[in-house]
């Protein structure tokens, strides 16, 4: 290994005038304002906080739309377009978060635990919706318990994020993954409700007419 002397890196067997030498100008280092590195880190954390807040606001808005739609009577169909859109956007936000913070295996494990929680809430909500036959079609409608479980699901997601953020350097993971969480929870709910509807009506769910579970 080389040593540093008078602002230059010396490599054994190679003179300081060699082309491979690298100068560390003390004057340039002294020109850096005090605390510049700390301020840069704080600015990066502030950027992530603002971005996480944006993720959370979008997630709450999407939750409001989902609750509103599920409290209305609608024909059941197998179209998963809304779920796919939410999954794609959620994955993009999650990948951006992981890349920005260079999160490792701890973030992945925490994310898997969060998605398991989302699936459990989706299954619980599926049991609360009412399904009936009307004009040869299966219809579905949620109730106040369905809406309450959506709100509790989001609160549980953010609470889970708070708990893991106390022990790992993965704070704000819940905000960044909120759309992915909602998408997985909605997908599980739809799969179970669609299966229930198919047991009532043997016709393919996708041919039951317009409408959606979401």
C-alpha atoms as a PDB file:
ATOM      1  CA  UNK A   1       0.000   0.000   0.000  1.00  0.00           C
ATOM      2  CA  UNK A   2       1.119   3.552  -0.598  1.00  0.00           C
ATOM      3  CA  UNK A   3       1.389   6.409   1.891  1.00  0.00           C
ATOM      4  CA  UNK A   4       0.315  10.032   1.813  1.00  0.00           C
ATOM      5  CA  UNK A   5       2.940  12.694   2.220  1.00  0.00           C
ATOM      6  CA  UNK A   6       2.680  16.441   1.520  1.00  0.00           C
ATOM      7  CA  UNK A   7      -0.634  16.064  -0.232  1.00  0.00           C
ATOM      8  CA  UNK A   8       0.499  13.292  -2.610  1.00  0.00           C
ATOM      9  CA  UNK A   9      -0.113   9.548  -2.764  1.00  0.00           C
ATOM     10  CA  UNK A  10       3.148   7.600  -3.015  1.00  0.00           C
ATOM     11  CA  UNK A  11       3.097   4.055  -4.323  1.00  0.00           C
ATOM     12  CA  UNK A  12       6.149   1.926  -3.525  1.00  0.00           C
ATOM     13  CA  UNK A  13       8.438   1.590  -6.540  1.00  0.00           C
ATOM     14  CA  UNK A  14       6.857   4.532  -8.354  1.00  0.00           C
ATOM     15  CA  UNK A  15       8.020   8.087  -7.997  1.00  0.00           C
ATOM     16  CA  UNK A  16       5.684  10.906  -7.124  1.00  0.00           C
ATOM     17  CA  UNK A  17       6.254  12.384 -10.597  1.00  0.00           C
ATOM     18  CA  UNK A  18       4.872   9.262 -12.235  1.00  0.00           C
ATOM     19  CA  UNK A  19       1.702   9.645 -14.337  1.00  0.00           C
ATOM     20  CA  UNK A  20      -0.133   7.339 -11.886  1.00  0.00           C
ATOM     21  CA  UNK A  21       0.401   9.784  -9.019  1.00  0.00           C
ATOM     22  CA  UNK A  22      -2.693  11.560  -7.781  1.00  0.00           C
ATOM     23  CA  UNK A  23      -2.420  14.963  -6.186  1.00  0.00           C
ATOM     24  CA  UNK A  24      -4.518  15.844  -3.160  1.00  0.00           C
ATOM     25  CA  UNK A  25      -4.335  19.610  -3.100  1.00  0.00           C
ATOM     26  CA  UNK A  26      -4.583  20.762   0.532  1.00  0.00           C
ATOM     27  CA  UNK A  27      -5.630  24.217  -0.643  1.00  0.00           C
ATOM     28  CA  UNK A  28      -8.685  22.807  -2.431  1.00  0.00           C
ATOM     29  CA  UNK A  29      -9.604  20.769   0.622  1.00  0.00           C
ATOM     30  CA  UNK A  30      -9.376  23.888   2.813  1.00  0.00           C
ATOM     31  CA  UNK A  31     -11.749  25.736   0.474  1.00  0.00           C
ATOM     32  CA  UNK A  32     -14.605  23.350   1.298  1.00  0.00           C
ATOM     33  CA  UNK A  33     -16.958  25.075   3.759  1.00  0.00           C
ATOM     34  CA  UNK A  34     -17.194  23.509   7.218  1.00  0.00           C
ATOM     35  CA  UNK A  35     -19.938  20.919   7.510  1.00  0.00           C
ATOM     36  CA  UNK A  36     -20.439  20.617   3.740  1.00  0.00           C
ATOM     37  CA  UNK A  37     -20.687  16.832   3.904  1.00  0.00           C
ATOM     38  CA  UNK A  38     -23.198  16.924   6.733  1.00  0.00           C
ATOM     39  CA  UNK A  39     -25.353  19.469   4.903  1.00  0.00           C
ATOM     40  CA  UNK A  40     -25.327  17.315   1.768  1.00  0.00           C
ATOM     41  CA  UNK A  41     -26.516  14.328   3.767  1.00  0.00           C
ATOM     42  CA  UNK A  42     -29.241  16.385   5.418  1.00  0.00           C
ATOM     43  CA  UNK A  43     -30.385  17.689   2.026  1.00  0.00           C
ATOM     44  CA  UNK A  44     -30.617  14.135   0.710  1.00  0.00           C
ATOM     45  CA  UNK A  45     -32.680  13.074   3.723  1.00  0.00           C
ATOM     46  CA  UNK A  46     -34.924  16.091   3.229  1.00  0.00           C
ATOM     47  CA  UNK A  47     -35.458  15.118  -0.408  1.00  0.00           C
ATOM     48  CA  UNK A  48     -36.435  11.594   0.602  1.00  0.00           C
ATOM     49  CA  UNK A  49     -38.842  12.935   3.246  1.00  0.00           C
ATOM     50  CA  UNK A  50     -40.567  15.184   0.697  1.00  0.00           C
ATOM     51  CA  UNK A  51     -40.778  12.347  -1.808  1.00  0.00           C
ATOM     52  CA  UNK A  52     -42.110   9.964   0.842  1.00  0.00           C
ATOM     53  CA  UNK A  53     -44.775  12.506   1.778  1.00  0.00           C
ATOM     54  CA  UNK A  54     -45.830  12.666  -1.866  1.00  0.00           C
ATOM     55  CA  UNK A  55     -46.071   8.857  -1.999  1.00  0.00           C
ATOM     56  CA  UNK A  56     -48.238   8.891   1.128  1.00  0.00           C
ATOM     57  CA  UNK A  57     -50.581  11.580  -0.218  1.00  0.00           C
ATOM     58  CA  UNK A  58     -51.037   9.630  -3.457  1.00  0.00           C
ATOM     59  CA  UNK A  59     -51.667   6.441  -1.496  1.00  0.00           C
ATOM     60  CA  UNK A  60     -54.329   8.073   0.672  1.00  0.00           C
ATOM     61  CA  UNK A  61     -56.028   9.477  -2.444  1.00  0.00           C
ATOM     62  CA  UNK A  62     -56.055   6.028  -4.085  1.00  0.00           C
ATOM     63  CA  UNK A  63     -57.433   4.514  -0.881  1.00  0.00           C
ATOM     64  CA  UNK A  64     -60.278   7.026  -0.921  1.00  0.00           C
ATOM     65  CA  UNK A  65     -61.172   6.087  -4.495  1.00  0.00           C
ATOM     66  CA  UNK A  66     -61.090   2.357  -3.701  1.00  0.00           C
ATOM     67  CA  UNK A  67     -63.327   2.754  -0.655  1.00  0.00           C
ATOM     68  CA  UNK A  68     -65.801   4.898  -2.601  1.00  0.00           C
ATOM     69  CA  UNK A  69     -66.026   2.367  -5.439  1.00  0.00           C
ATOM     70  CA  UNK A  70     -66.392  -0.623  -3.147  1.00  0.00           C
ATOM     71  CA  UNK A  71     -69.313   0.915  -1.274  1.00  0.00           C
ATOM     72  CA  UNK A  72     -71.289   0.981  -4.530  1.00  0.00           C
ATOM     73  CA  UNK A  73     -73.150  -2.000  -6.003  1.00  0.00           C
ATOM     74  CA  UNK A  74     -71.295  -3.220  -9.084  1.00  0.00           C
ATOM     75  CA  UNK A  75     -71.315  -6.236 -11.415  1.00  0.00           C
ATOM     76  CA  UNK A  76     -68.387  -8.593 -10.839  1.00  0.00           C
ATOM     77  CA  UNK A  77     -65.894  -8.995 -13.651  1.00  0.00           C
ATOM     78  CA  UNK A  78     -62.450 -10.487 -13.995  1.00  0.00           C
ATOM     79  CA  UNK A  79     -60.731  -7.373 -15.399  1.00  0.00           C
ATOM     80  CA  UNK A  80     -57.603  -6.664 -13.342  1.00  0.00           C
ATOM     81  CA  UNK A  81     -56.565  -3.480 -15.171  1.00  0.00           C
ATOM     82  CA  UNK A  82     -56.744  -1.265 -12.083  1.00  0.00           C
ATOM     83  CA  UNK A  83     -54.664  -3.739 -10.099  1.00  0.00           C
ATOM     84  CA  UNK A  84     -52.032  -3.934 -12.830  1.00  0.00           C
ATOM     85  CA  UNK A  85     -51.764  -0.140 -13.033  1.00  0.00           C
ATOM     86  CA  UNK A  86     -51.315   0.135  -9.269  1.00  0.00           C
ATOM     87  CA  UNK A  87     -48.751  -2.689  -9.247  1.00  0.00           C
ATOM     88  CA  UNK A  88     -46.665  -1.061 -11.991  1.00  0.00           C
ATOM     89  CA  UNK A  89     -46.674   2.371 -10.356  1.00  0.00           C
ATOM     90  CA  UNK A  90     -46.037   0.824  -6.944  1.00  0.00           C
ATOM     91  CA  UNK A  91     -43.074  -1.183  -8.236  1.00  0.00           C
ATOM     92  CA  UNK A  92     -41.556   1.916  -9.846  1.00  0.00           C
ATOM     93  CA  UNK A  93     -41.835   3.882  -6.593  1.00  0.00           C
ATOM     94  CA  UNK A  94     -40.421   0.991  -4.569  1.00  0.00           C
ATOM     95  CA  UNK A  95     -37.437   0.476  -6.875  1.00  0.00           C
ATOM     96  CA  UNK A  96     -36.682   4.211  -6.850  1.00  0.00           C
ATOM     97  CA  UNK A  97     -36.691   4.200  -3.053  1.00  0.00           C
ATOM     98  CA  UNK A  98     -34.425   1.151  -2.774  1.00  0.00           C
ATOM     99  CA  UNK A  99     -31.967   2.529  -5.334  1.00  0.00           C
ATOM    100  CA  UNK A 100     -31.895   5.986  -3.754  1.00  0.00           C
ATOM    101  CA  UNK A 101     -31.029   4.680  -0.290  1.00  0.00           C
ATOM    102  CA  UNK A 102     -29.024   1.674  -1.531  1.00  0.00           C
ATOM    103  CA  UNK A 103     -31.242  -0.475   0.689  1.00  0.00           C
ATOM    104  CA  UNK A 104     -30.160  -4.065   1.157  1.00  0.00           C
ATOM    105  CA  UNK A 105     -31.691  -7.335   2.233  1.00  0.00           C
ATOM    106  CA  UNK A 106     -33.284  -5.779   5.322  1.00  0.00           C
ATOM    107  CA  UNK A 107     -35.523  -3.615   3.118  1.00  0.00           C
ATOM    108  CA  UNK A 108     -36.494  -6.609   0.965  1.00  0.00           C
ATOM    109  CA  UNK A 109     -37.409  -8.694   4.017  1.00  0.00           C
ATOM    110  CA  UNK A 110     -39.409  -5.817   5.473  1.00  0.00           C
ATOM    111  CA  UNK A 111     -41.205  -5.356   2.145  1.00  0.00           C
ATOM    112  CA  UNK A 112     -42.158  -9.046   1.993  1.00  0.00           C
ATOM    113  CA  UNK A 113     -43.579  -8.838   5.514  1.00  0.00           C
ATOM    114  CA  UNK A 114     -45.609  -5.788   4.521  1.00  0.00           C
ATOM    115  CA  UNK A 115     -47.065  -7.527   1.468  1.00  0.00           C
ATOM    116  CA  UNK A 116     -48.029 -10.543   3.559  1.00  0.00           C
ATOM    117  CA  UNK A 117     -49.916  -8.143   5.802  1.00  0.00           C
ATOM    118  CA  UNK A 118     -51.609  -6.665   2.725  1.00  0.00           C
ATOM    119  CA  UNK A 119     -52.746 -10.112   1.592  1.00  0.00           C
ATOM    120  CA  UNK A 120     -54.216 -10.915   5.006  1.00  0.00           C
ATOM    121  CA  UNK A 121     -56.277  -7.728   5.013  1.00  0.00           C
ATOM    122  CA  UNK A 122     -57.413  -8.426   1.455  1.00  0.00           C
ATOM    123  CA  UNK A 123     -58.693 -11.843   2.486  1.00  0.00           C
ATOM    124  CA  UNK A 124     -60.452 -10.374   5.525  1.00  0.00           C
ATOM    125  CA  UNK A 125     -62.233  -7.723   3.427  1.00  0.00           C
ATOM    126  CA  UNK A 126     -63.331 -10.294   0.855  1.00  0.00           C
ATOM    127  CA  UNK A 127     -65.357 -12.002   3.566  1.00  0.00           C
ATOM    128  CA  UNK A 128     -67.240  -8.772   4.363  1.00  0.00           C
ATOM    129  CA  UNK A 129     -68.642  -7.952   0.896  1.00  0.00           C
ATOM    130  CA  UNK A 130     -72.109  -9.037  -0.163  1.00  0.00           C
ATOM    131  CA  UNK A 131     -72.540 -10.990  -3.438  1.00  0.00           C
ATOM    132  CA  UNK A 132     -75.891 -11.654  -5.089  1.00  0.00           C
ATOM    133  CA  UNK A 133     -77.333 -12.591  -8.463  1.00  0.00           C
ATOM    134  CA  UNK A 134     -79.239 -10.020 -10.502  1.00  0.00           C
ATOM    135  CA  UNK A 135     -80.373 -10.439 -14.132  1.00  0.00           C
ATOM    136  CA  UNK A 136     -78.045 -13.392 -14.567  1.00  0.00           C
ATOM    137  CA  UNK A 137     -75.001 -11.471 -13.273  1.00  0.00           C
ATOM    138  CA  UNK A 138     -73.150 -11.604  -9.994  1.00  0.00           C
ATOM    139  CA  UNK A 139     -73.114  -8.264  -8.198  1.00  0.00           C
ATOM    140  CA  UNK A 140     -70.965  -7.189  -5.276  1.00  0.00           C
ATOM    141  CA  UNK A 141     -71.094  -4.417  -2.706  1.00  0.00           C
ATOM    142  CA  UNK A 142     -68.978  -3.632   0.298  1.00  0.00           C
ATOM    143  CA  UNK A 143     -70.182  -2.184   3.567  1.00  0.00           C
ATOM    144  CA  UNK A 144     -68.899  -0.003   6.387  1.00  0.00           C
ATOM    145  CA  UNK A 145     -66.839  -2.900   7.741  1.00  0.00           C
ATOM    146  CA  UNK A 146     -65.166  -3.242   4.334  1.00  0.00           C
ATOM    147  CA  UNK A 147     -64.302   0.469   4.376  1.00  0.00           C
ATOM    148  CA  UNK A 148     -63.063   0.279   7.970  1.00  0.00           C
ATOM    149  CA  UNK A 149     -60.777  -2.652   7.104  1.00  0.00           C
ATOM    150  CA  UNK A 150     -59.269  -0.612   4.261  1.00  0.00           C
ATOM    151  CA  UNK A 151     -58.443   2.203   6.692  1.00  0.00           C
ATOM    152  CA  UNK A 152     -57.095  -0.233   9.291  1.00  0.00           C
ATOM    153  CA  UNK A 153     -55.004  -1.923   6.589  1.00  0.00           C
ATOM    154  CA  UNK A 154     -53.307   1.355   5.693  1.00  0.00           C
ATOM    155  CA  UNK A 155     -52.776   2.213   9.369  1.00  0.00           C
ATOM    156  CA  UNK A 156     -51.250  -1.224   9.968  1.00  0.00           C
ATOM    157  CA  UNK A 157     -48.927  -0.726   6.998  1.00  0.00           C
ATOM    158  CA  UNK A 158     -47.673   2.606   8.311  1.00  0.00           C
ATOM    159  CA  UNK A 159     -47.419   1.253  11.864  1.00  0.00           C
ATOM    160  CA  UNK A 160     -45.374  -1.685  10.614  1.00  0.00           C
ATOM    161  CA  UNK A 161     -43.117   0.745   8.765  1.00  0.00           C
ATOM    162  CA  UNK A 162     -42.646   2.786  11.939  1.00  0.00           C
ATOM    163  CA  UNK A 163     -41.665  -0.272  13.975  1.00  0.00           C
ATOM    164  CA  UNK A 164     -39.098  -1.600  11.520  1.00  0.00           C
ATOM    165  CA  UNK A 165     -37.744   1.901  10.962  1.00  0.00           C
ATOM    166  CA  UNK A 166     -36.682   2.025  14.618  1.00  0.00           C
ATOM    167  CA  UNK A 167     -34.275  -0.884  14.145  1.00  0.00           C
ATOM    168  CA  UNK A 168     -33.142  -0.666  10.528  1.00  0.00           C
ATOM    169  CA  UNK A 169     -31.954   2.133   8.273  1.00  0.00           C
ATOM    170  CA  UNK A 170     -35.056   1.772   6.118  1.00  0.00           C
ATOM    171  CA  UNK A 171     -37.241   4.614   7.333  1.00  0.00           C
ATOM    172  CA  UNK A 172     -40.072   5.786   5.044  1.00  0.00           C
ATOM    173  CA  UNK A 173     -40.254   2.364   3.394  1.00  0.00           C
ATOM    174  CA  UNK A 174     -43.973   2.258   4.154  1.00  0.00           C
ATOM    175  CA  UNK A 175     -44.629   5.562   2.384  1.00  0.00           C
ATOM    176  CA  UNK A 176     -42.645   4.525  -0.684  1.00  0.00           C
ATOM    177  CA  UNK A 177     -44.422   1.170  -0.979  1.00  0.00           C
ATOM    178  CA  UNK A 178     -47.958   2.243  -0.105  1.00  0.00           C
ATOM    179  CA  UNK A 179     -49.303   1.870  -3.655  1.00  0.00           C
ATOM    180  CA  UNK A 180     -47.754  -1.578  -4.035  1.00  0.00           C
ATOM    181  CA  UNK A 181     -49.251  -2.532  -0.673  1.00  0.00           C
ATOM    182  CA  UNK A 182     -52.731  -1.368  -1.721  1.00  0.00           C
ATOM    183  CA  UNK A 183     -52.416  -3.137  -5.083  1.00  0.00           C
ATOM    184  CA  UNK A 184     -51.534  -6.495  -3.502  1.00  0.00           C
ATOM    185  CA  UNK A 185     -54.313  -6.156  -0.944  1.00  0.00           C
ATOM    186  CA  UNK A 186     -56.850  -5.296  -3.657  1.00  0.00           C
ATOM    187  CA  UNK A 187     -55.663  -8.170  -5.862  1.00  0.00           C
ATOM    188  CA  UNK A 188     -56.123 -10.743  -3.084  1.00  0.00           C
ATOM    189  CA  UNK A 189     -59.575  -9.380  -2.295  1.00  0.00           C
ATOM    190  CA  UNK A 190     -60.592  -9.550  -5.949  1.00  0.00           C
ATOM    191  CA  UNK A 191     -59.377 -13.110  -6.421  1.00  0.00           C
ATOM    192  CA  UNK A 192     -61.384 -14.338  -3.439  1.00  0.00           C
ATOM    193  CA  UNK A 193     -64.532 -12.378  -4.356  1.00  0.00           C
ATOM    194  CA  UNK A 194     -64.321 -13.551  -7.972  1.00  0.00           C
ATOM    195  CA  UNK A 195     -64.067 -17.161  -6.786  1.00  0.00           C
ATOM    196  CA  UNK A 196     -67.151 -16.677  -4.624  1.00  0.00           C
ATOM    197  CA  UNK A 197     -69.037 -15.147  -7.542  1.00  0.00           C
ATOM    198  CA  UNK A 198     -68.104 -18.025  -9.851  1.00  0.00           C
ATOM    199  CA  UNK A 199     -69.509 -20.516  -7.371  1.00  0.00           C
ATOM    200  CA  UNK A 200     -72.831 -18.663  -7.573  1.00  0.00           C
ATOM    201  CA  UNK A 201     -72.753 -18.316 -11.372  1.00  0.00           C
ATOM    202  CA  UNK A 202     -70.841 -20.907 -13.444  1.00  0.00           C
ATOM    203  CA  UNK A 203     -70.500 -18.456 -16.371  1.00  0.00           C
ATOM    204  CA  UNK A 204     -67.048 -16.854 -16.752  1.00  0.00           C
ATOM    205  CA  UNK A 205     -66.856 -13.751 -14.599  1.00  0.00           C
ATOM    206  CA  UNK A 206     -65.401 -11.730 -17.442  1.00  0.00           C
ATOM    207  CA  UNK A 207     -68.633 -12.123 -19.433  1.00  0.00           C
ATOM    208  CA  UNK A 208     -70.871 -10.769 -16.688  1.00  0.00           C
ATOM    209  CA  UNK A 209     -70.936  -7.274 -18.109  1.00  0.00           C
ATOM    210  CA  UNK A 210     -69.309  -3.966 -17.232  1.00  0.00           C
ATOM    211  CA  UNK A 211     -68.212  -3.103 -13.762  1.00  0.00           C
ATOM    212  CA  UNK A 212     -65.409  -3.816 -11.376  1.00  0.00           C
ATOM    213  CA  UNK A 213     -64.671  -4.952  -7.875  1.00  0.00           C
ATOM    214  CA  UNK A 214     -62.367  -2.024  -7.192  1.00  0.00           C
END
